[in-house]
Amino acid sequence: MNGRIVISPLTAEAFAAFGDVIEVAGDPDNIINQGQCGRYHDRARLDFSDGQAGISLFNANPRSLPYPLDMVERHPEGSQAFVPMTHQPFLVVVAPDEGGRPGRPQAFVTKPGQVVNYHRGTWHGVLTPLHGPGLFAVIDRIGQGDNLEEFWFDTPYEVVEG
């Protein structure tokens, strides 16, 4: 193993360099729908070089901890948001870019109801639910050209609970 990565709780501050944490926090921006709904407006930036935003559904197999991290990926042409369709936490792995390669990864676990939006070009782990069903809506770029880079570590990391 390449080393251990200890999971931290996901917070907007800790994740800011990699993307947006989207969640209901604070007072809503508007009250709508006959006063029955709080709207938390424009909480993430969708960023695409071209193409358009699309919504796809992913059904990922749950993973367990400790989790062997052997690969990260990034999308140079667009941001990517993972929106869980259940109230279960999921694992979020990101890494800083160091000269076109991922640096040392960091791992976070979401609270139920949290969404992540990876900035364009952010190295991140694959969709990693910790419980079934692993159903997610994914909002990302739909368009021509290659929008996926993978990086395989020579020696995997081990992601462990904190």
N, C-alpha and C. Protein backbone atom coordinates (compact mmCIF):
# COMPACT_ATOMS: atom_id res chain seq x y z
N MET A 1 0.84 -1.19 0.00
CA MET A 1 0.00 0.00 0.00
C MET A 1 0.88 1.25 0.00
N ASN A 2 0.39 2.27 -0.64
CA ASN A 2 1.07 3.55 -0.78
C ASN A 2 1.02 4.36 0.51
N GLY A 3 0.12 4.04 1.39
CA GLY A 3 -0.07 4.76 2.63
C GLY A 3 -1.55 4.83 2.95
N ARG A 4 -1.83 5.28 4.15
CA ARG A 4 -3.22 5.38 4.59
C ARG A 4 -3.73 6.79 4.38
N ILE A 5 -4.97 6.87 3.99
CA ILE A 5 -5.69 8.14 3.89
C ILE A 5 -6.84 8.05 4.86
N VAL A 6 -6.86 8.93 5.86
CA VAL A 6 -7.89 8.91 6.88
C VAL A 6 -9.04 9.81 6.41
N ILE A 7 -10.24 9.30 6.49
CA ILE A 7 -11.43 10.01 6.04
C ILE A 7 -11.79 11.10 7.03
N SER A 8 -12.13 12.29 6.50
CA SER A 8 -12.61 13.42 7.29
C SER A 8 -14.06 13.70 6.91
N PRO A 9 -14.82 14.36 7.79
CA PRO A 9 -16.16 14.79 7.40
C PRO A 9 -16.07 15.81 6.27
N LEU A 10 -17.03 15.79 5.37
CA LEU A 10 -17.06 16.73 4.25
C LEU A 10 -17.60 18.07 4.73
N THR A 11 -16.80 19.13 4.54
CA THR A 11 -17.24 20.50 4.80
C THR A 11 -16.92 21.36 3.59
N ALA A 12 -17.69 22.43 3.43
CA ALA A 12 -17.47 23.33 2.31
C ALA A 12 -16.06 23.93 2.35
N GLU A 13 -15.57 24.26 3.53
CA GLU A 13 -14.25 24.86 3.66
C GLU A 13 -13.14 23.89 3.27
N ALA A 14 -13.22 22.67 3.75
CA ALA A 14 -12.17 21.68 3.46
C ALA A 14 -12.17 21.26 2.00
N PHE A 15 -13.32 21.36 1.33
CA PHE A 15 -13.47 20.89 -0.04
C PHE A 15 -13.33 22.00 -1.08
N ALA A 16 -13.24 23.26 -0.65
CA ALA A 16 -13.31 24.42 -1.55
C ALA A 16 -12.31 24.38 -2.71
N ALA A 17 -11.12 23.86 -2.50
CA ALA A 17 -10.12 23.83 -3.58
C ALA A 17 -10.50 22.86 -4.69
N PHE A 18 -11.41 21.93 -4.40
CA PHE A 18 -11.75 20.87 -5.35
C PHE A 18 -13.12 21.03 -5.98
N GLY A 19 -14.01 21.78 -5.32
CA GLY A 19 -15.36 21.93 -5.85
C GLY A 19 -16.29 22.51 -4.81
N ASP A 20 -17.58 22.28 -5.05
CA ASP A 20 -18.64 22.83 -4.20
C ASP A 20 -19.29 21.72 -3.40
N VAL A 21 -19.62 22.02 -2.14
CA VAL A 21 -20.49 21.17 -1.34
C VAL A 21 -21.86 21.82 -1.38
N ILE A 22 -22.83 21.08 -1.86
CA ILE A 22 -24.18 21.61 -2.00
C ILE A 22 -25.03 20.96 -0.93
N GLU A 23 -25.64 21.81 -0.09
CA GLU A 23 -26.47 21.28 0.99
C GLU A 23 -27.40 22.38 1.49
N VAL A 24 -28.41 21.98 2.21
CA VAL A 24 -29.31 22.92 2.85
C VAL A 24 -28.62 23.40 4.12
N ALA A 25 -28.25 24.67 4.14
CA ALA A 25 -27.58 25.25 5.30
C ALA A 25 -27.99 26.72 5.41
N GLY A 26 -28.26 27.15 6.61
CA GLY A 26 -28.67 28.54 6.81
C GLY A 26 -30.10 28.76 6.34
N ASP A 27 -30.45 30.04 6.22
CA ASP A 27 -31.78 30.40 5.77
C ASP A 27 -31.88 30.28 4.26
N PRO A 28 -33.06 29.91 3.75
CA PRO A 28 -33.22 29.84 2.29
C PRO A 28 -33.14 31.23 1.67
N ASP A 29 -32.79 31.25 0.38
CA ASP A 29 -32.71 32.52 -0.35
C ASP A 29 -34.10 33.07 -0.66
N ASN A 30 -35.07 32.18 -0.87
CA ASN A 30 -36.45 32.57 -1.15
C ASN A 30 -37.37 31.54 -0.52
N ILE A 31 -38.58 31.99 -0.25
CA ILE A 31 -39.66 31.08 0.11
C ILE A 31 -40.61 31.07 -1.07
N ILE A 32 -40.88 29.86 -1.59
CA ILE A 32 -41.68 29.74 -2.81
C ILE A 32 -42.80 28.72 -2.61
N ASN A 33 -43.55 28.45 -3.65
CA ASN A 33 -44.60 27.43 -3.65
C ASN A 33 -45.60 27.65 -2.51
N GLN A 34 -46.21 28.82 -2.54
CA GLN A 34 -47.24 29.18 -1.56
C GLN A 34 -46.71 29.13 -0.13
N GLY A 35 -45.43 29.50 0.03
CA GLY A 35 -44.84 29.55 1.36
C GLY A 35 -44.47 28.20 1.94
N GLN A 36 -44.47 27.14 1.12
CA GLN A 36 -44.24 25.79 1.61
C GLN A 36 -42.87 25.23 1.27
N CYS A 37 -42.01 26.04 0.62
CA CYS A 37 -40.73 25.50 0.15
C CYS A 37 -39.66 26.59 0.25
N GLY A 38 -38.53 26.23 0.87
CA GLY A 38 -37.38 27.12 0.88
C GLY A 38 -36.48 26.81 -0.29
N ARG A 39 -36.10 27.84 -1.05
CA ARG A 39 -35.20 27.65 -2.18
C ARG A 39 -33.80 28.13 -1.79
N TYR A 40 -32.84 27.23 -1.92
CA TYR A 40 -31.43 27.53 -1.69
C TYR A 40 -30.83 27.67 -3.09
N HIS A 41 -30.70 28.88 -3.55
CA HIS A 41 -30.50 29.21 -4.96
C HIS A 41 -29.03 29.18 -5.39
N ASP A 42 -28.78 28.62 -6.57
CA ASP A 42 -27.51 28.72 -7.29
C ASP A 42 -26.32 28.35 -6.41
N ARG A 43 -26.30 27.12 -5.92
CA ARG A 43 -25.30 26.67 -4.96
C ARG A 43 -24.04 26.08 -5.56
N ALA A 44 -23.96 25.93 -6.89
CA ALA A 44 -22.76 25.38 -7.52
C ALA A 44 -22.64 25.95 -8.93
N ARG A 45 -21.41 25.98 -9.41
CA ARG A 45 -21.15 26.49 -10.76
C ARG A 45 -20.91 25.32 -11.70
N LEU A 46 -21.76 25.21 -12.70
CA LEU A 46 -21.52 24.25 -13.77
C LEU A 46 -20.58 24.92 -14.76
N ASP A 47 -19.50 24.24 -15.11
CA ASP A 47 -18.45 24.85 -15.93
C ASP A 47 -18.06 23.88 -17.03
N PHE A 48 -18.40 24.24 -18.29
CA PHE A 48 -18.11 23.39 -19.43
C PHE A 48 -17.39 24.18 -20.50
N SER A 49 -16.40 23.56 -21.14
CA SER A 49 -15.68 24.23 -22.23
C SER A 49 -16.56 24.35 -23.46
N ASP A 50 -17.42 23.38 -23.67
CA ASP A 50 -18.37 23.38 -24.78
C ASP A 50 -19.42 22.34 -24.46
N GLY A 51 -20.27 21.99 -25.38
CA GLY A 51 -21.30 21.01 -25.10
C GLY A 51 -22.39 21.61 -24.24
N GLN A 52 -23.06 20.75 -23.49
CA GLN A 52 -24.18 21.21 -22.67
C GLN A 52 -24.25 20.38 -21.40
N ALA A 53 -25.01 20.88 -20.43
CA ALA A 53 -25.23 20.12 -19.20
C ALA A 53 -26.20 18.99 -19.47
N GLY A 54 -25.92 17.84 -18.90
CA GLY A 54 -26.82 16.70 -19.00
C GLY A 54 -26.97 16.05 -17.64
N ILE A 55 -28.07 15.35 -17.45
CA ILE A 55 -28.30 14.61 -16.22
C ILE A 55 -28.39 13.14 -16.59
N SER A 56 -27.51 12.35 -15.98
CA SER A 56 -27.49 10.90 -16.18
C SER A 56 -27.75 10.23 -14.84
N LEU A 57 -28.22 9.01 -14.87
CA LEU A 57 -28.40 8.24 -13.64
C LEU A 57 -27.33 7.17 -13.58
N PHE A 58 -26.70 7.02 -12.41
CA PHE A 58 -25.67 6.02 -12.17
C PHE A 58 -26.17 5.10 -11.07
N ASN A 59 -25.95 3.82 -11.19
CA ASN A 59 -26.29 2.86 -10.15
C ASN A 59 -25.01 2.10 -9.80
N ALA A 60 -24.29 2.58 -8.79
CA ALA A 60 -22.97 2.06 -8.43
C ALA A 60 -23.08 1.04 -7.31
N ASN A 61 -22.22 0.04 -7.38
CA ASN A 61 -22.14 -0.96 -6.31
C ASN A 61 -21.53 -0.34 -5.06
N PRO A 62 -22.11 -0.61 -3.88
CA PRO A 62 -21.52 -0.11 -2.64
C PRO A 62 -20.13 -0.69 -2.41
N ARG A 63 -19.29 0.10 -1.78
CA ARG A 63 -17.93 -0.32 -1.42
C ARG A 63 -17.83 -0.38 0.10
N SER A 64 -16.80 -1.02 0.58
CA SER A 64 -16.60 -1.10 2.02
C SER A 64 -15.24 -0.53 2.39
N LEU A 65 -15.11 -0.24 3.69
CA LEU A 65 -13.86 0.28 4.23
C LEU A 65 -13.14 -0.84 4.96
N PRO A 66 -11.83 -0.88 4.97
CA PRO A 66 -10.95 0.04 4.25
C PRO A 66 -11.08 -0.15 2.74
N TYR A 67 -10.91 0.97 2.02
CA TYR A 67 -11.12 1.00 0.58
C TYR A 67 -9.78 1.15 -0.13
N PRO A 68 -9.42 0.22 -1.01
CA PRO A 68 -8.17 0.37 -1.75
C PRO A 68 -8.34 1.37 -2.90
N LEU A 69 -7.58 2.44 -2.86
CA LEU A 69 -7.65 3.49 -3.89
C LEU A 69 -6.50 3.29 -4.86
N ASP A 70 -6.82 2.81 -6.05
CA ASP A 70 -5.77 2.56 -7.03
C ASP A 70 -5.86 3.47 -8.24
N MET A 71 -6.94 4.27 -8.34
CA MET A 71 -7.11 5.11 -9.52
C MET A 71 -7.92 6.34 -9.17
N VAL A 72 -7.57 7.47 -9.79
CA VAL A 72 -8.38 8.68 -9.77
C VAL A 72 -8.57 9.12 -11.22
N GLU A 73 -9.55 9.98 -11.41
CA GLU A 73 -9.84 10.49 -12.75
C GLU A 73 -10.14 11.97 -12.68
N ARG A 74 -10.17 12.61 -13.86
CA ARG A 74 -10.60 13.99 -13.92
C ARG A 74 -11.25 14.25 -15.28
N HIS A 75 -11.98 15.34 -15.33
CA HIS A 75 -12.72 15.70 -16.53
C HIS A 75 -12.30 17.11 -16.94
N PRO A 76 -11.37 17.23 -17.92
CA PRO A 76 -10.82 18.54 -18.27
C PRO A 76 -11.81 19.46 -18.99
N GLU A 77 -12.89 18.91 -19.52
CA GLU A 77 -13.83 19.73 -20.29
C GLU A 77 -15.07 20.15 -19.51
N GLY A 78 -15.21 19.69 -18.26
CA GLY A 78 -16.41 20.10 -17.54
C GLY A 78 -16.44 19.64 -16.09
N SER A 79 -17.21 20.39 -15.31
CA SER A 79 -17.46 20.03 -13.92
C SER A 79 -18.34 18.79 -13.87
N GLN A 80 -18.44 18.20 -12.69
CA GLN A 80 -19.26 17.00 -12.53
C GLN A 80 -19.84 16.98 -11.12
N ALA A 81 -21.17 16.87 -11.03
CA ALA A 81 -21.85 16.84 -9.73
C ALA A 81 -22.43 15.46 -9.48
N PHE A 82 -22.20 14.94 -8.26
CA PHE A 82 -22.76 13.67 -7.81
C PHE A 82 -23.90 13.99 -6.84
N VAL A 83 -25.12 13.64 -7.22
CA VAL A 83 -26.31 13.93 -6.43
C VAL A 83 -26.91 12.60 -5.96
N PRO A 84 -26.73 12.23 -4.68
CA PRO A 84 -27.27 10.96 -4.22
C PRO A 84 -28.79 10.99 -4.24
N MET A 85 -29.38 9.86 -4.59
CA MET A 85 -30.83 9.75 -4.63
C MET A 85 -31.35 8.95 -3.43
N THR A 86 -30.49 8.76 -2.42
CA THR A 86 -30.86 8.17 -1.15
C THR A 86 -30.25 9.05 -0.06
N HIS A 87 -30.61 8.80 1.18
CA HIS A 87 -30.05 9.56 2.30
C HIS A 87 -28.95 8.76 2.99
N GLN A 88 -28.01 8.26 2.20
CA GLN A 88 -26.89 7.50 2.73
C GLN A 88 -25.60 8.27 2.44
N PRO A 89 -24.62 8.19 3.33
CA PRO A 89 -23.33 8.84 3.07
C PRO A 89 -22.58 8.12 1.95
N PHE A 90 -21.69 8.87 1.30
CA PHE A 90 -20.81 8.27 0.31
C PHE A 90 -19.41 8.83 0.48
N LEU A 91 -18.44 8.10 -0.06
CA LEU A 91 -17.03 8.46 0.05
C LEU A 91 -16.66 9.40 -1.09
N VAL A 92 -15.93 10.45 -0.75
CA VAL A 92 -15.45 11.43 -1.72
C VAL A 92 -13.93 11.48 -1.61
N VAL A 93 -13.24 11.18 -2.71
CA VAL A 93 -11.78 11.22 -2.74
C VAL A 93 -11.36 12.24 -3.79
N VAL A 94 -10.45 13.13 -3.41
CA VAL A 94 -9.93 14.15 -4.32
C VAL A 94 -8.42 14.25 -4.14
N ALA A 95 -7.77 14.84 -5.14
CA ALA A 95 -6.32 15.04 -5.06
C ALA A 95 -5.96 16.33 -5.76
N PRO A 96 -5.01 17.09 -5.23
CA PRO A 96 -4.57 18.29 -5.92
C PRO A 96 -3.80 17.92 -7.19
N ASP A 97 -3.82 18.81 -8.15
CA ASP A 97 -3.03 18.59 -9.36
C ASP A 97 -1.61 19.06 -9.09
N GLU A 98 -0.65 18.22 -9.41
CA GLU A 98 0.77 18.56 -9.26
C GLU A 98 1.46 18.30 -10.60
N GLY A 99 1.45 19.32 -11.45
CA GLY A 99 2.12 19.21 -12.74
C GLY A 99 1.48 18.21 -13.68
N GLY A 100 0.13 18.13 -13.65
CA GLY A 100 -0.57 17.21 -14.53
C GLY A 100 -0.78 15.82 -13.97
N ARG A 101 -0.34 15.61 -12.74
CA ARG A 101 -0.52 14.33 -12.05
C ARG A 101 -1.20 14.60 -10.71
N PRO A 102 -1.91 13.62 -10.18
CA PRO A 102 -2.52 13.85 -8.86
C PRO A 102 -1.47 13.83 -7.75
N GLY A 103 -1.63 14.77 -6.80
CA GLY A 103 -0.83 14.74 -5.58
C GLY A 103 -1.44 13.76 -4.59
N ARG A 104 -1.06 13.89 -3.32
CA ARG A 104 -1.57 12.97 -2.29
C ARG A 104 -3.08 13.16 -2.15
N PRO A 105 -3.84 12.07 -2.28
CA PRO A 105 -5.30 12.16 -2.16
C PRO A 105 -5.76 12.51 -0.75
N GLN A 106 -6.96 13.06 -0.69
CA GLN A 106 -7.67 13.32 0.55
C GLN A 106 -9.02 12.63 0.44
N ALA A 107 -9.58 12.20 1.57
CA ALA A 107 -10.85 11.50 1.57
C ALA A 107 -11.81 12.16 2.54
N PHE A 108 -13.07 12.23 2.13
CA PHE A 108 -14.14 12.80 2.93
C PHE A 108 -15.34 11.85 2.90
N VAL A 109 -16.17 11.93 3.92
CA VAL A 109 -17.44 11.22 3.90
C VAL A 109 -18.54 12.28 4.01
N THR A 110 -19.57 12.10 3.20
CA THR A 110 -20.68 13.05 3.21
C THR A 110 -21.62 12.75 4.37
N LYS A 111 -22.43 13.74 4.71
CA LYS A 111 -23.59 13.54 5.57
C LYS A 111 -24.77 13.32 4.63
N PRO A 112 -25.79 12.62 5.08
CA PRO A 112 -26.98 12.49 4.24
C PRO A 112 -27.47 13.87 3.79
N GLY A 113 -27.79 13.97 2.51
CA GLY A 113 -28.27 15.23 1.95
C GLY A 113 -27.19 16.10 1.32
N GLN A 114 -25.92 15.74 1.45
CA GLN A 114 -24.86 16.53 0.83
C GLN A 114 -24.59 16.05 -0.60
N VAL A 115 -24.27 17.01 -1.45
CA VAL A 115 -23.96 16.79 -2.86
C VAL A 115 -22.57 17.37 -3.11
N VAL A 116 -21.79 16.77 -4.00
CA VAL A 116 -20.51 17.37 -4.39
C VAL A 116 -20.55 17.72 -5.87
N ASN A 117 -19.93 18.85 -6.18
CA ASN A 117 -19.74 19.30 -7.55
C ASN A 117 -18.24 19.51 -7.74
N TYR A 118 -17.60 18.61 -8.48
CA TYR A 118 -16.17 18.72 -8.72
C TYR A 118 -15.91 19.81 -9.76
N HIS A 119 -14.97 20.69 -9.47
CA HIS A 119 -14.55 21.68 -10.47
C HIS A 119 -13.97 20.98 -11.69
N ARG A 120 -14.04 21.64 -12.81
CA ARG A 120 -13.45 21.11 -14.03
C ARG A 120 -11.96 20.83 -13.79
N GLY A 121 -11.50 19.64 -14.19
CA GLY A 121 -10.09 19.28 -14.07
C GLY A 121 -9.66 18.77 -12.72
N THR A 122 -10.57 18.58 -11.77
CA THR A 122 -10.22 18.10 -10.43
C THR A 122 -10.03 16.59 -10.44
N TRP A 123 -8.88 16.14 -9.94
CA TRP A 123 -8.66 14.70 -9.76
C TRP A 123 -9.60 14.21 -8.66
N HIS A 124 -10.33 13.12 -8.93
CA HIS A 124 -11.25 12.58 -7.93
C HIS A 124 -11.40 11.08 -8.10
N GLY A 125 -11.83 10.44 -7.03
CA GLY A 125 -12.11 9.02 -7.08
C GLY A 125 -13.40 8.75 -7.82
N VAL A 126 -13.64 7.49 -8.11
CA VAL A 126 -14.88 7.10 -8.77
C VAL A 126 -16.03 7.21 -7.78
N LEU A 127 -17.23 7.15 -8.29
CA LEU A 127 -18.42 7.19 -7.45
C LEU A 127 -18.38 6.02 -6.46
N THR A 128 -18.40 6.34 -5.16
CA THR A 128 -18.14 5.34 -4.13
C THR A 128 -19.20 5.38 -3.03
N PRO A 129 -20.38 4.80 -3.30
CA PRO A 129 -21.36 4.70 -2.21
C PRO A 129 -20.86 3.72 -1.15
N LEU A 130 -21.22 3.98 0.10
CA LEU A 130 -20.85 3.09 1.19
C LEU A 130 -22.00 2.19 1.61
N HIS A 131 -23.19 2.45 1.06
CA HIS A 131 -24.39 1.67 1.35
C HIS A 131 -25.20 1.54 0.07
N GLY A 132 -25.98 0.48 -0.04
CA GLY A 132 -26.87 0.33 -1.17
C GLY A 132 -28.23 0.93 -0.87
N PRO A 133 -28.99 1.30 -1.85
CA PRO A 133 -28.60 1.31 -3.26
C PRO A 133 -27.69 2.49 -3.56
N GLY A 134 -26.83 2.34 -4.53
CA GLY A 134 -25.89 3.38 -4.92
C GLY A 134 -26.40 4.21 -6.08
N LEU A 135 -27.62 4.70 -5.96
CA LEU A 135 -28.27 5.43 -7.05
C LEU A 135 -27.97 6.93 -6.94
N PHE A 136 -27.45 7.49 -8.04
CA PHE A 136 -27.07 8.90 -8.09
C PHE A 136 -27.54 9.52 -9.40
N ALA A 137 -27.90 10.79 -9.34
CA ALA A 137 -28.01 11.61 -10.55
C ALA A 137 -26.65 12.30 -10.70
N VAL A 138 -26.13 12.29 -11.90
CA VAL A 138 -24.85 12.94 -12.18
C VAL A 138 -25.09 14.01 -13.22
N ILE A 139 -24.68 15.23 -12.88
CA ILE A 139 -24.83 16.36 -13.79
C ILE A 139 -23.44 16.69 -14.31
N ASP A 140 -23.26 16.52 -15.62
CA ASP A 140 -21.95 16.80 -16.21
C ASP A 140 -22.09 17.17 -17.68
N ARG A 141 -20.95 17.36 -18.31
CA ARG A 141 -20.88 17.81 -19.70
C ARG A 141 -21.25 16.67 -20.65
N ILE A 142 -22.13 16.99 -21.60
CA ILE A 142 -22.46 16.10 -22.68
C ILE A 142 -21.98 16.79 -23.96
N GLY A 143 -21.06 16.18 -24.66
CA GLY A 143 -20.52 16.80 -25.86
C GLY A 143 -19.48 15.93 -26.52
N GLN A 144 -18.98 16.43 -27.63
CA GLN A 144 -17.96 15.72 -28.40
C GLN A 144 -16.61 15.78 -27.71
N GLY A 145 -15.74 14.83 -28.05
CA GLY A 145 -14.37 14.86 -27.55
C GLY A 145 -14.20 14.09 -26.25
N ASP A 146 -12.94 13.84 -25.94
CA ASP A 146 -12.58 13.06 -24.76
C ASP A 146 -12.60 13.96 -23.52
N ASN A 147 -13.37 13.57 -22.52
CA ASN A 147 -13.47 14.35 -21.29
C ASN A 147 -13.12 13.49 -20.07
N LEU A 148 -12.25 12.53 -20.26
CA LEU A 148 -11.87 11.66 -19.15
C LEU A 148 -10.38 11.38 -19.21
N GLU A 149 -9.69 11.66 -18.09
CA GLU A 149 -8.30 11.25 -17.90
C GLU A 149 -8.27 10.38 -16.65
N GLU A 150 -7.63 9.24 -16.73
CA GLU A 150 -7.45 8.37 -15.57
C GLU A 150 -5.98 8.34 -15.18
N PHE A 151 -5.73 8.21 -13.88
CA PHE A 151 -4.38 8.04 -13.37
C PHE A 151 -4.39 6.85 -12.42
N TRP A 152 -3.59 5.85 -12.73
CA TRP A 152 -3.48 4.64 -11.91
C TRP A 152 -2.22 4.74 -11.06
N PHE A 153 -2.37 4.61 -9.75
CA PHE A 153 -1.24 4.65 -8.83
C PHE A 153 -0.43 3.36 -8.96
N ASP A 154 0.89 3.47 -8.93
CA ASP A 154 1.73 2.29 -8.94
C ASP A 154 1.47 1.40 -7.73
N THR A 155 1.26 2.04 -6.60
CA THR A 155 0.92 1.35 -5.36
C THR A 155 -0.35 1.97 -4.83
N PRO A 156 -1.38 1.18 -4.56
CA PRO A 156 -2.65 1.75 -4.07
C PRO A 156 -2.50 2.38 -2.69
N TYR A 157 -3.40 3.32 -2.42
CA TYR A 157 -3.57 3.86 -1.07
C TYR A 157 -4.65 3.04 -0.38
N GLU A 158 -4.70 3.14 0.94
CA GLU A 158 -5.77 2.51 1.72
C GLU A 158 -6.54 3.62 2.42
N VAL A 159 -7.83 3.75 2.08
CA VAL A 159 -8.70 4.75 2.68
C VAL A 159 -9.37 4.12 3.88
N VAL A 160 -9.20 4.75 5.05
CA VAL A 160 -9.69 4.18 6.31
C VAL A 160 -10.53 5.20 7.08
N GLU A 161 -11.37 4.68 7.95
CA GLU A 161 -12.18 5.54 8.82
C GLU A 161 -11.28 6.28 9.79
N GLY A 162 -11.71 7.49 10.17
CA GLY A 162 -10.95 8.33 11.10
C GLY A 162 -11.17 7.96 12.53
